[in-house]
Amino acid sequence: MSLTNETIKDRLKAKFGDQVSNFEEPYGLLTFEAPKDLNLKVMQFLFDDEELRFQFLTDLTAVHYPGQPGRELAIVYHLHNLKDNIRLRFKVFTPIAQPDVFTATQLYASANWMERETYDFFGVNFVGHPNLKRILNVDEMTYFPMRKEYPLEDQTRIDKDDAMFGRGPGGQVGQGADEAKH
């Protein structure tokens, strides 16, 4: 019998009940979330279960959602069952004020560098990581550059005309300069 998203979902629900939630299947990729304190238990179950066998961590990253108080940082795991060639996406959310999540380095050796990169760019503290320090940015950096905490543009610049970018007075995208004036 081939492993399906429905089978995976049923196994997760049987083991964790309502603690796993928000199941979706964008483009056929099973996606779900669990409380951050269960990240290792869920991944250990997915790894050890004789039918599921998600024993390869393809990717690990974070996403900053500044408009979601208490859930500002999402830690996203992409897991792969190599035998059945099926993948899934697993998310846990944490507040930015206390971005602590258990490390997955004991389960997946590949998590080591991915967690370091995620720490470096988003500030996620992977509790228990053997060497959690910056990997790409300089050690002296006091901020996490992938967080959406800074404006995208310097609002004090005077060398650009917002109308040229479809913003501000007279600037409407899709109209020529002469049409915008009338």
N, C-alpha and C. Protein backbone atom coordinates (compact mmCIF):
# COMPACT_ATOMS: atom_id res chain seq x y z
N MET A 1 0.84 -1.19 0.00
CA MET A 1 0.00 0.00 0.00
C MET A 1 0.88 1.25 0.00
N SER A 2 0.56 2.18 -0.86
CA SER A 2 1.34 3.40 -0.99
C SER A 2 0.98 4.39 0.12
N LEU A 3 1.99 5.07 0.60
CA LEU A 3 1.80 6.07 1.65
C LEU A 3 1.14 7.32 1.06
N THR A 4 0.06 7.79 1.68
CA THR A 4 -0.66 8.96 1.20
C THR A 4 -0.69 10.04 2.27
N ASN A 5 -1.02 11.25 1.84
CA ASN A 5 -1.16 12.36 2.79
C ASN A 5 -2.24 12.05 3.83
N GLU A 6 -3.30 11.40 3.41
CA GLU A 6 -4.39 11.06 4.32
C GLU A 6 -3.92 10.08 5.39
N THR A 7 -3.11 9.10 4.99
CA THR A 7 -2.56 8.14 5.94
C THR A 7 -1.66 8.84 6.96
N ILE A 8 -0.80 9.74 6.47
CA ILE A 8 0.10 10.48 7.36
C ILE A 8 -0.71 11.31 8.35
N LYS A 9 -1.71 12.01 7.84
CA LYS A 9 -2.56 12.84 8.70
C LYS A 9 -3.26 11.98 9.75
N ASP A 10 -3.81 10.84 9.34
CA ASP A 10 -4.50 9.95 10.28
C ASP A 10 -3.56 9.45 11.37
N ARG A 11 -2.33 9.09 10.99
CA ARG A 11 -1.35 8.59 11.97
C ARG A 11 -0.98 9.68 12.97
N LEU A 12 -0.80 10.90 12.47
CA LEU A 12 -0.46 12.03 13.34
C LEU A 12 -1.61 12.34 14.30
N LYS A 13 -2.84 12.35 13.78
CA LYS A 13 -4.01 12.64 14.62
C LYS A 13 -4.20 11.55 15.67
N ALA A 14 -3.96 10.29 15.29
CA ALA A 14 -4.10 9.19 16.24
C ALA A 14 -3.08 9.32 17.37
N LYS A 15 -1.88 9.78 17.06
CA LYS A 15 -0.82 9.89 18.07
C LYS A 15 -0.93 11.17 18.90
N PHE A 16 -1.22 12.30 18.25
CA PHE A 16 -1.15 13.60 18.92
C PHE A 16 -2.50 14.30 19.08
N GLY A 17 -3.55 13.76 18.50
CA GLY A 17 -4.88 14.34 18.65
C GLY A 17 -4.95 15.76 18.11
N ASP A 18 -5.58 16.64 18.90
CA ASP A 18 -5.78 18.02 18.47
C ASP A 18 -4.52 18.87 18.60
N GLN A 19 -3.43 18.29 19.08
CA GLN A 19 -2.18 19.05 19.18
C GLN A 19 -1.54 19.28 17.82
N VAL A 20 -1.90 18.48 16.83
CA VAL A 20 -1.50 18.75 15.45
C VAL A 20 -2.70 19.35 14.75
N SER A 21 -2.47 20.42 14.01
CA SER A 21 -3.62 21.16 13.45
C SER A 21 -3.25 21.85 12.15
N ASN A 22 -4.22 22.56 11.62
CA ASN A 22 -4.06 23.37 10.40
C ASN A 22 -3.49 22.56 9.24
N PHE A 23 -4.07 21.39 9.02
CA PHE A 23 -3.63 20.56 7.90
C PHE A 23 -4.07 21.20 6.59
N GLU A 24 -3.15 21.28 5.67
CA GLU A 24 -3.41 21.79 4.32
C GLU A 24 -2.61 20.94 3.34
N GLU A 25 -2.93 21.09 2.06
CA GLU A 25 -2.17 20.38 1.04
C GLU A 25 -1.90 21.28 -0.16
N PRO A 26 -1.16 22.38 0.03
CA PRO A 26 -0.86 23.22 -1.13
C PRO A 26 0.02 22.47 -2.12
N TYR A 27 -0.45 22.41 -3.36
CA TYR A 27 0.27 21.70 -4.43
C TYR A 27 0.57 20.25 -4.04
N GLY A 28 -0.30 19.65 -3.23
CA GLY A 28 -0.15 18.25 -2.84
C GLY A 28 0.83 18.00 -1.70
N LEU A 29 1.44 19.07 -1.15
CA LEU A 29 2.41 18.92 -0.06
C LEU A 29 1.68 19.02 1.28
N LEU A 30 1.62 17.92 2.02
CA LEU A 30 0.96 17.92 3.31
C LEU A 30 1.68 18.91 4.23
N THR A 31 0.93 19.83 4.81
CA THR A 31 1.46 20.87 5.69
C THR A 31 0.62 20.88 6.96
N PHE A 32 1.29 20.97 8.10
CA PHE A 32 0.56 21.03 9.37
C PHE A 32 1.42 21.72 10.41
N GLU A 33 0.83 22.00 11.58
CA GLU A 33 1.59 22.62 12.66
C GLU A 33 1.28 21.94 13.98
N ALA A 34 2.18 22.18 14.93
CA ALA A 34 2.03 21.67 16.29
C ALA A 34 2.65 22.69 17.24
N PRO A 35 2.34 22.61 18.53
CA PRO A 35 2.99 23.51 19.49
C PRO A 35 4.50 23.32 19.47
N LYS A 36 5.22 24.41 19.70
CA LYS A 36 6.68 24.35 19.61
C LYS A 36 7.30 23.37 20.59
N ASP A 37 6.68 23.15 21.72
CA ASP A 37 7.22 22.21 22.71
C ASP A 37 7.13 20.76 22.25
N LEU A 38 6.37 20.51 21.19
CA LEU A 38 6.24 19.15 20.66
C LEU A 38 7.05 18.91 19.39
N ASN A 39 7.85 19.88 18.98
CA ASN A 39 8.53 19.71 17.69
C ASN A 39 9.35 18.42 17.63
N LEU A 40 10.11 18.13 18.68
CA LEU A 40 10.92 16.91 18.66
C LEU A 40 10.09 15.64 18.74
N LYS A 41 9.04 15.67 19.53
CA LYS A 41 8.19 14.47 19.65
C LYS A 41 7.52 14.15 18.32
N VAL A 42 7.05 15.18 17.64
CA VAL A 42 6.40 14.95 16.34
C VAL A 42 7.42 14.43 15.33
N MET A 43 8.58 15.07 15.27
CA MET A 43 9.59 14.62 14.31
C MET A 43 10.13 13.23 14.64
N GLN A 44 10.27 12.93 15.93
CA GLN A 44 10.72 11.59 16.33
C GLN A 44 9.70 10.54 15.91
N PHE A 45 8.41 10.84 16.08
CA PHE A 45 7.36 9.93 15.65
C PHE A 45 7.41 9.73 14.14
N LEU A 46 7.53 10.83 13.38
CA LEU A 46 7.60 10.74 11.92
C LEU A 46 8.83 9.95 11.47
N PHE A 47 9.91 10.06 12.21
CA PHE A 47 11.17 9.37 11.90
C PHE A 47 11.06 7.86 12.21
N ASP A 48 10.56 7.54 13.39
CA ASP A 48 10.57 6.16 13.89
C ASP A 48 9.44 5.27 13.38
N ASP A 49 8.30 5.84 13.08
CA ASP A 49 7.15 5.04 12.69
C ASP A 49 7.50 4.19 11.46
N GLU A 50 7.24 2.89 11.55
CA GLU A 50 7.63 1.95 10.51
C GLU A 50 6.97 2.21 9.17
N GLU A 51 5.80 2.84 9.19
CA GLU A 51 5.11 3.15 7.94
C GLU A 51 5.50 4.53 7.41
N LEU A 52 5.72 5.48 8.30
CA LEU A 52 5.96 6.86 7.87
C LEU A 52 7.41 7.11 7.42
N ARG A 53 8.39 6.79 8.23
CA ARG A 53 9.82 6.84 7.89
C ARG A 53 10.29 8.16 7.28
N PHE A 54 9.96 9.29 7.90
CA PHE A 54 10.47 10.58 7.43
C PHE A 54 11.85 10.79 8.07
N GLN A 55 12.85 10.19 7.43
CA GLN A 55 14.18 10.13 8.01
C GLN A 55 15.18 11.06 7.34
N PHE A 56 14.69 11.97 6.53
CA PHE A 56 15.58 12.93 5.88
C PHE A 56 15.02 14.34 6.06
N LEU A 57 15.83 15.21 6.63
CA LEU A 57 15.47 16.62 6.78
C LEU A 57 15.99 17.35 5.55
N THR A 58 15.07 17.75 4.68
CA THR A 58 15.45 18.43 3.44
C THR A 58 15.82 19.87 3.70
N ASP A 59 15.03 20.54 4.54
CA ASP A 59 15.25 21.96 4.78
C ASP A 59 14.66 22.36 6.11
N LEU A 60 15.22 23.40 6.67
CA LEU A 60 14.74 23.99 7.91
C LEU A 60 14.99 25.48 7.80
N THR A 61 13.96 26.28 8.06
CA THR A 61 14.11 27.73 8.00
C THR A 61 13.09 28.36 8.92
N ALA A 62 12.99 29.67 8.85
CA ALA A 62 11.99 30.40 9.63
C ALA A 62 11.33 31.45 8.74
N VAL A 63 10.20 31.93 9.21
CA VAL A 63 9.48 33.02 8.54
C VAL A 63 9.04 33.97 9.64
N HIS A 64 9.19 35.25 9.40
CA HIS A 64 8.78 36.26 10.38
C HIS A 64 7.42 36.82 9.98
N TYR A 65 6.44 36.68 10.88
CA TYR A 65 5.10 37.22 10.69
C TYR A 65 4.87 38.30 11.75
N PRO A 66 5.28 39.54 11.51
CA PRO A 66 5.18 40.58 12.54
C PRO A 66 3.75 40.90 12.95
N GLY A 67 2.78 40.58 12.15
CA GLY A 67 1.39 40.88 12.46
C GLY A 67 0.68 39.79 13.25
N GLN A 68 1.40 38.79 13.74
CA GLN A 68 0.79 37.70 14.50
C GLN A 68 1.37 37.67 15.91
N PRO A 69 0.86 38.49 16.81
CA PRO A 69 1.40 38.54 18.18
C PRO A 69 1.40 37.16 18.85
N GLY A 70 2.56 36.81 19.43
CA GLY A 70 2.72 35.51 20.09
C GLY A 70 3.08 34.39 19.14
N ARG A 71 2.98 34.65 17.84
CA ARG A 71 3.31 33.67 16.79
C ARG A 71 4.13 34.34 15.69
N GLU A 72 5.03 35.22 16.10
CA GLU A 72 5.75 36.00 15.10
C GLU A 72 6.74 35.19 14.27
N LEU A 73 7.33 34.18 14.86
CA LEU A 73 8.31 33.36 14.13
C LEU A 73 7.77 31.96 13.89
N ALA A 74 7.77 31.55 12.64
CA ALA A 74 7.41 30.18 12.28
C ALA A 74 8.70 29.45 11.94
N ILE A 75 8.92 28.31 12.56
CA ILE A 75 10.05 27.46 12.20
C ILE A 75 9.46 26.37 11.31
N VAL A 76 10.02 26.24 10.12
CA VAL A 76 9.45 25.38 9.09
C VAL A 76 10.43 24.26 8.77
N TYR A 77 9.95 23.02 8.92
CA TYR A 77 10.75 21.83 8.62
C TYR A 77 10.17 21.17 7.37
N HIS A 78 11.02 20.80 6.43
CA HIS A 78 10.62 20.01 5.28
C HIS A 78 11.24 18.63 5.45
N LEU A 79 10.39 17.63 5.59
CA LEU A 79 10.85 16.25 5.83
C LEU A 79 10.53 15.39 4.62
N HIS A 80 11.37 14.37 4.40
CA HIS A 80 11.23 13.53 3.22
C HIS A 80 11.33 12.06 3.60
N ASN A 81 10.37 11.27 3.13
CA ASN A 81 10.42 9.82 3.22
C ASN A 81 11.02 9.36 1.89
N LEU A 82 12.28 8.93 1.93
CA LEU A 82 12.99 8.58 0.70
C LEU A 82 12.46 7.29 0.07
N LYS A 83 12.01 6.35 0.89
CA LYS A 83 11.54 5.07 0.36
C LYS A 83 10.28 5.24 -0.48
N ASP A 84 9.32 6.02 0.03
CA ASP A 84 8.06 6.23 -0.69
C ASP A 84 8.07 7.53 -1.50
N ASN A 85 9.16 8.27 -1.42
CA ASN A 85 9.32 9.55 -2.11
C ASN A 85 8.15 10.49 -1.86
N ILE A 86 7.91 10.75 -0.59
CA ILE A 86 6.85 11.68 -0.22
C ILE A 86 7.43 12.69 0.78
N ARG A 87 6.97 13.91 0.67
CA ARG A 87 7.48 15.00 1.50
C ARG A 87 6.35 15.61 2.30
N LEU A 88 6.74 16.31 3.37
CA LEU A 88 5.76 17.08 4.14
C LEU A 88 6.42 18.32 4.71
N ARG A 89 5.57 19.26 5.10
CA ARG A 89 6.02 20.50 5.72
C ARG A 89 5.40 20.57 7.11
N PHE A 90 6.25 20.80 8.10
CA PHE A 90 5.84 20.85 9.50
C PHE A 90 6.26 22.20 10.08
N LYS A 91 5.32 22.89 10.74
CA LYS A 91 5.60 24.22 11.28
C LYS A 91 5.34 24.27 12.78
N VAL A 92 6.18 25.03 13.46
CA VAL A 92 5.92 25.41 14.85
C VAL A 92 6.09 26.92 14.94
N PHE A 93 5.31 27.55 15.81
CA PHE A 93 5.36 29.00 15.97
C PHE A 93 5.86 29.35 17.36
N THR A 94 6.58 30.47 17.43
CA THR A 94 7.11 30.93 18.71
C THR A 94 7.04 32.45 18.77
N PRO A 95 6.86 33.00 19.96
CA PRO A 95 6.88 34.47 20.07
C PRO A 95 8.30 34.99 19.86
N ILE A 96 8.41 36.15 19.27
CA ILE A 96 9.72 36.73 19.01
C ILE A 96 10.43 37.13 20.31
N ALA A 97 9.64 37.38 21.36
CA ALA A 97 10.23 37.76 22.65
C ALA A 97 10.96 36.60 23.31
N GLN A 98 10.56 35.37 23.00
CA GLN A 98 11.21 34.18 23.56
C GLN A 98 11.28 33.11 22.46
N PRO A 99 12.20 33.27 21.53
CA PRO A 99 12.24 32.39 20.35
C PRO A 99 12.97 31.07 20.59
N ASP A 100 12.59 30.36 21.63
CA ASP A 100 13.25 29.10 21.99
C ASP A 100 12.51 27.90 21.39
N VAL A 101 13.26 27.06 20.68
CA VAL A 101 12.72 25.84 20.08
C VAL A 101 13.79 24.76 20.27
N PHE A 102 13.36 23.54 20.57
CA PHE A 102 14.32 22.45 20.77
C PHE A 102 15.07 22.13 19.47
N THR A 103 16.36 21.87 19.59
CA THR A 103 17.17 21.51 18.43
C THR A 103 16.80 20.12 17.92
N ALA A 104 16.95 19.94 16.61
CA ALA A 104 16.70 18.64 15.99
C ALA A 104 18.00 17.95 15.60
N THR A 105 19.13 18.46 16.11
CA THR A 105 20.43 17.93 15.69
C THR A 105 20.67 16.48 16.11
N GLN A 106 20.06 16.02 17.19
CA GLN A 106 20.24 14.63 17.61
C GLN A 106 19.47 13.67 16.71
N LEU A 107 18.43 14.16 16.07
CA LEU A 107 17.61 13.33 15.19
C LEU A 107 18.10 13.41 13.75
N TYR A 108 18.40 14.63 13.30
CA TYR A 108 18.88 14.87 11.94
C TYR A 108 20.21 15.61 12.01
N ALA A 109 21.29 14.98 11.60
CA ALA A 109 22.61 15.63 11.62
C ALA A 109 22.61 16.88 10.74
N SER A 110 21.83 16.84 9.66
CA SER A 110 21.79 17.98 8.73
C SER A 110 21.17 19.23 9.37
N ALA A 111 20.49 19.07 10.49
CA ALA A 111 19.88 20.23 11.16
C ALA A 111 20.93 21.18 11.72
N ASN A 112 22.13 20.69 11.95
CA ASN A 112 23.17 21.50 12.58
C ASN A 112 23.37 22.84 11.86
N TRP A 113 23.76 22.80 10.62
CA TRP A 113 24.03 24.04 9.89
C TRP A 113 22.74 24.80 9.58
N MET A 114 21.67 24.09 9.31
CA MET A 114 20.40 24.77 9.01
C MET A 114 19.91 25.55 10.22
N GLU A 115 20.04 24.99 11.41
CA GLU A 115 19.65 25.70 12.62
C GLU A 115 20.56 26.89 12.87
N ARG A 116 21.84 26.74 12.60
CA ARG A 116 22.76 27.87 12.77
C ARG A 116 22.39 29.00 11.81
N GLU A 117 22.06 28.67 10.58
CA GLU A 117 21.65 29.70 9.61
C GLU A 117 20.35 30.37 10.04
N THR A 118 19.41 29.59 10.53
CA THR A 118 18.13 30.13 10.98
C THR A 118 18.32 31.02 12.20
N TYR A 119 19.21 30.63 13.09
CA TYR A 119 19.56 31.50 14.22
C TYR A 119 20.18 32.79 13.71
N ASP A 120 21.12 32.67 12.81
CA ASP A 120 21.87 33.81 12.29
C ASP A 120 20.95 34.86 11.65
N PHE A 121 19.96 34.42 10.91
CA PHE A 121 19.11 35.35 10.16
C PHE A 121 17.81 35.72 10.87
N PHE A 122 17.29 34.84 11.73
CA PHE A 122 16.00 35.11 12.36
C PHE A 122 16.07 35.20 13.89
N GLY A 123 17.16 34.74 14.50
CA GLY A 123 17.30 34.81 15.95
C GLY A 123 16.59 33.71 16.70
N VAL A 124 16.28 32.60 16.04
CA VAL A 124 15.65 31.46 16.73
C VAL A 124 16.72 30.77 17.58
N ASN A 125 16.43 30.63 18.86
CA ASN A 125 17.36 29.97 19.79
C ASN A 125 17.03 28.48 19.84
N PHE A 126 17.86 27.67 19.20
CA PHE A 126 17.64 26.23 19.19
C PHE A 126 18.26 25.63 20.44
N VAL A 127 17.43 25.39 21.43
CA VAL A 127 17.85 24.90 22.74
C VAL A 127 18.47 23.52 22.61
N GLY A 128 19.71 23.39 23.11
CA GLY A 128 20.43 22.13 23.07
C GLY A 128 21.34 21.99 21.86
N HIS A 129 21.37 22.97 20.99
CA HIS A 129 22.25 22.90 19.81
C HIS A 129 23.70 22.87 20.27
N PRO A 130 24.54 22.02 19.67
CA PRO A 130 25.92 21.87 20.14
C PRO A 130 26.84 23.07 19.86
N ASN A 131 26.49 23.93 18.91
CA ASN A 131 27.38 25.05 18.56
C ASN A 131 26.58 26.18 17.91
N LEU A 132 25.60 26.69 18.61
CA LEU A 132 24.71 27.71 18.03
C LEU A 132 25.41 29.07 18.03
N LYS A 133 25.96 29.41 16.88
CA LYS A 133 26.58 30.72 16.70
C LYS A 133 26.40 31.12 15.24
N ARG A 134 26.67 32.37 14.97
CA ARG A 134 26.48 32.87 13.61
C ARG A 134 27.32 32.06 12.62
N ILE A 135 26.75 31.89 11.43
CA ILE A 135 27.42 31.06 10.43
C ILE A 135 27.76 31.86 9.17
N LEU A 136 26.98 32.88 8.84
CA LEU A 136 27.22 33.67 7.64
C LEU A 136 27.47 35.15 7.93
N ASN A 137 26.84 35.67 8.96
CA ASN A 137 27.01 37.08 9.32
C ASN A 137 28.14 37.22 10.34
N VAL A 138 28.62 38.44 10.49
CA VAL A 138 29.71 38.69 11.44
C VAL A 138 29.21 38.54 12.87
N ASP A 139 30.08 38.09 13.75
CA ASP A 139 29.73 37.86 15.14
C ASP A 139 29.27 39.13 15.85
N GLU A 140 29.76 40.29 15.42
CA GLU A 140 29.43 41.55 16.07
C GLU A 140 28.02 42.05 15.74
N MET A 141 27.36 41.42 14.81
CA MET A 141 26.02 41.85 14.41
C MET A 141 25.06 41.72 15.60
N THR A 142 24.28 42.76 15.85
CA THR A 142 23.38 42.78 17.00
C THR A 142 21.91 42.61 16.61
N TYR A 143 21.65 42.32 15.37
CA TYR A 143 20.28 42.16 14.91
C TYR A 143 20.20 40.95 13.98
N PHE A 144 18.99 40.60 13.59
CA PHE A 144 18.76 39.44 12.74
C PHE A 144 18.14 39.93 11.43
N PRO A 145 18.90 39.94 10.34
CA PRO A 145 18.53 40.66 9.13
C PRO A 145 17.30 40.18 8.38
N MET A 146 16.83 38.97 8.60
CA MET A 146 15.64 38.50 7.87
C MET A 146 14.34 38.81 8.59
N ARG A 147 14.42 39.38 9.77
CA ARG A 147 13.20 39.82 10.44
C ARG A 147 12.69 41.08 9.76
N LYS A 148 11.40 41.21 9.71
CA LYS A 148 10.78 42.37 9.06
C LYS A 148 10.61 43.50 10.06
N GLU A 149 11.72 43.96 10.61
CA GLU A 149 11.69 44.99 11.64
C GLU A 149 12.14 46.35 11.14
N TYR A 150 12.54 46.42 9.89
CA TYR A 150 13.07 47.66 9.36
C TYR A 150 12.35 48.01 8.07
N PRO A 151 12.20 49.32 7.77
CA PRO A 151 11.55 49.70 6.51
C PRO A 151 12.38 49.22 5.32
N LEU A 152 11.70 48.89 4.23
CA LEU A 152 12.40 48.41 3.05
C LEU A 152 13.19 49.51 2.35
N GLU A 153 12.74 50.75 2.51
CA GLU A 153 13.39 51.87 1.84
C GLU A 153 13.73 52.95 2.85
N ASP A 154 14.71 53.74 2.52
CA ASP A 154 15.08 54.89 3.33
C ASP A 154 14.10 56.02 3.00
N GLN A 155 13.23 56.35 3.94
CA GLN A 155 12.19 57.35 3.70
C GLN A 155 12.75 58.77 3.59
N THR A 156 14.02 58.98 3.92
CA THR A 156 14.60 60.32 3.85
C THR A 156 15.27 60.60 2.51
N ARG A 157 15.30 59.62 1.62
CA ARG A 157 15.96 59.82 0.32
C ARG A 157 15.21 60.87 -0.49
N ILE A 158 15.98 61.75 -1.13
CA ILE A 158 15.37 62.77 -1.98
C ILE A 158 15.75 62.57 -3.44
N ASP A 159 16.54 61.55 -3.74
CA ASP A 159 17.02 61.32 -5.10
C ASP A 159 16.12 60.39 -5.91
N LYS A 160 14.92 60.15 -5.43
CA LYS A 160 14.00 59.31 -6.19
C LYS A 160 12.64 59.99 -6.25
N ASP A 161 11.92 59.69 -7.28
CA ASP A 161 10.60 60.28 -7.49
C ASP A 161 9.58 59.15 -7.35
N ASP A 162 8.79 59.17 -6.29
CA ASP A 162 7.81 58.11 -6.07
C ASP A 162 6.83 57.96 -7.23
N ALA A 163 6.58 59.04 -7.95
CA ALA A 163 5.66 58.96 -9.08
C ALA A 163 6.18 57.99 -10.14
N MET A 164 7.49 57.85 -10.22
CA MET A 164 8.08 56.93 -11.21
C MET A 164 7.83 55.47 -10.84
N PHE A 165 7.46 55.21 -9.60
CA PHE A 165 7.21 53.85 -9.14
C PHE A 165 5.73 53.59 -8.89
N GLY A 166 4.88 54.48 -9.41
CA GLY A 166 3.44 54.30 -9.26
C GLY A 166 2.92 54.66 -7.88
N ARG A 167 3.68 55.46 -7.13
CA ARG A 167 3.27 55.86 -5.79
C ARG A 167 3.23 57.37 -5.72
N GLY A 168 2.39 57.84 -4.86
CA GLY A 168 2.37 59.29 -4.61
C GLY A 168 1.56 60.04 -5.66
N PRO A 169 1.54 61.37 -5.55
CA PRO A 169 0.73 62.20 -6.47
C PRO A 169 1.18 62.04 -7.91
N GLY A 170 0.21 61.82 -8.76
CA GLY A 170 0.49 61.72 -10.19
C GLY A 170 1.07 60.40 -10.64
N GLY A 171 1.37 59.54 -9.73
CA GLY A 171 1.98 58.27 -10.11
C GLY A 171 0.97 57.14 -10.10
N GLN A 172 0.55 56.74 -11.26
CA GLN A 172 -0.38 55.62 -11.37
C GLN A 172 0.23 54.59 -12.29
N VAL A 173 0.38 53.40 -11.80
CA VAL A 173 0.99 52.33 -12.59
C VAL A 173 0.15 52.07 -13.83
N GLY A 174 0.83 51.91 -14.95
CA GLY A 174 0.13 51.55 -16.19
C GLY A 174 -0.24 52.74 -17.04
N GLN A 175 0.01 53.96 -16.58
CA GLN A 175 -0.31 55.13 -17.38
C GLN A 175 0.98 55.81 -17.81
N GLY A 176 0.94 56.40 -18.98
CA GLY A 176 2.09 57.16 -19.45
C GLY A 176 2.19 58.46 -18.67
N ALA A 177 3.32 59.15 -18.82
CA ALA A 177 3.57 60.39 -18.09
C ALA A 177 2.54 61.45 -18.46
N ASP A 178 2.16 61.54 -19.74
CA ASP A 178 1.19 62.56 -20.15
C ASP A 178 -0.19 62.27 -19.59
N GLU A 179 -0.58 60.99 -19.55
CA GLU A 179 -1.89 60.64 -19.01
C GLU A 179 -1.97 60.90 -17.52
N ALA A 180 -0.87 60.70 -16.81
CA ALA A 180 -0.87 60.86 -15.36
C ALA A 180 -1.06 62.32 -14.97
N LYS A 181 -0.67 63.26 -15.83
CA LYS A 181 -0.79 64.67 -15.53
C LYS A 181 -2.22 65.16 -15.68
N HIS A 182 -3.02 64.51 -16.51
CA HIS A 182 -4.39 64.99 -16.77
C HIS A 182 -5.40 64.35 -15.89
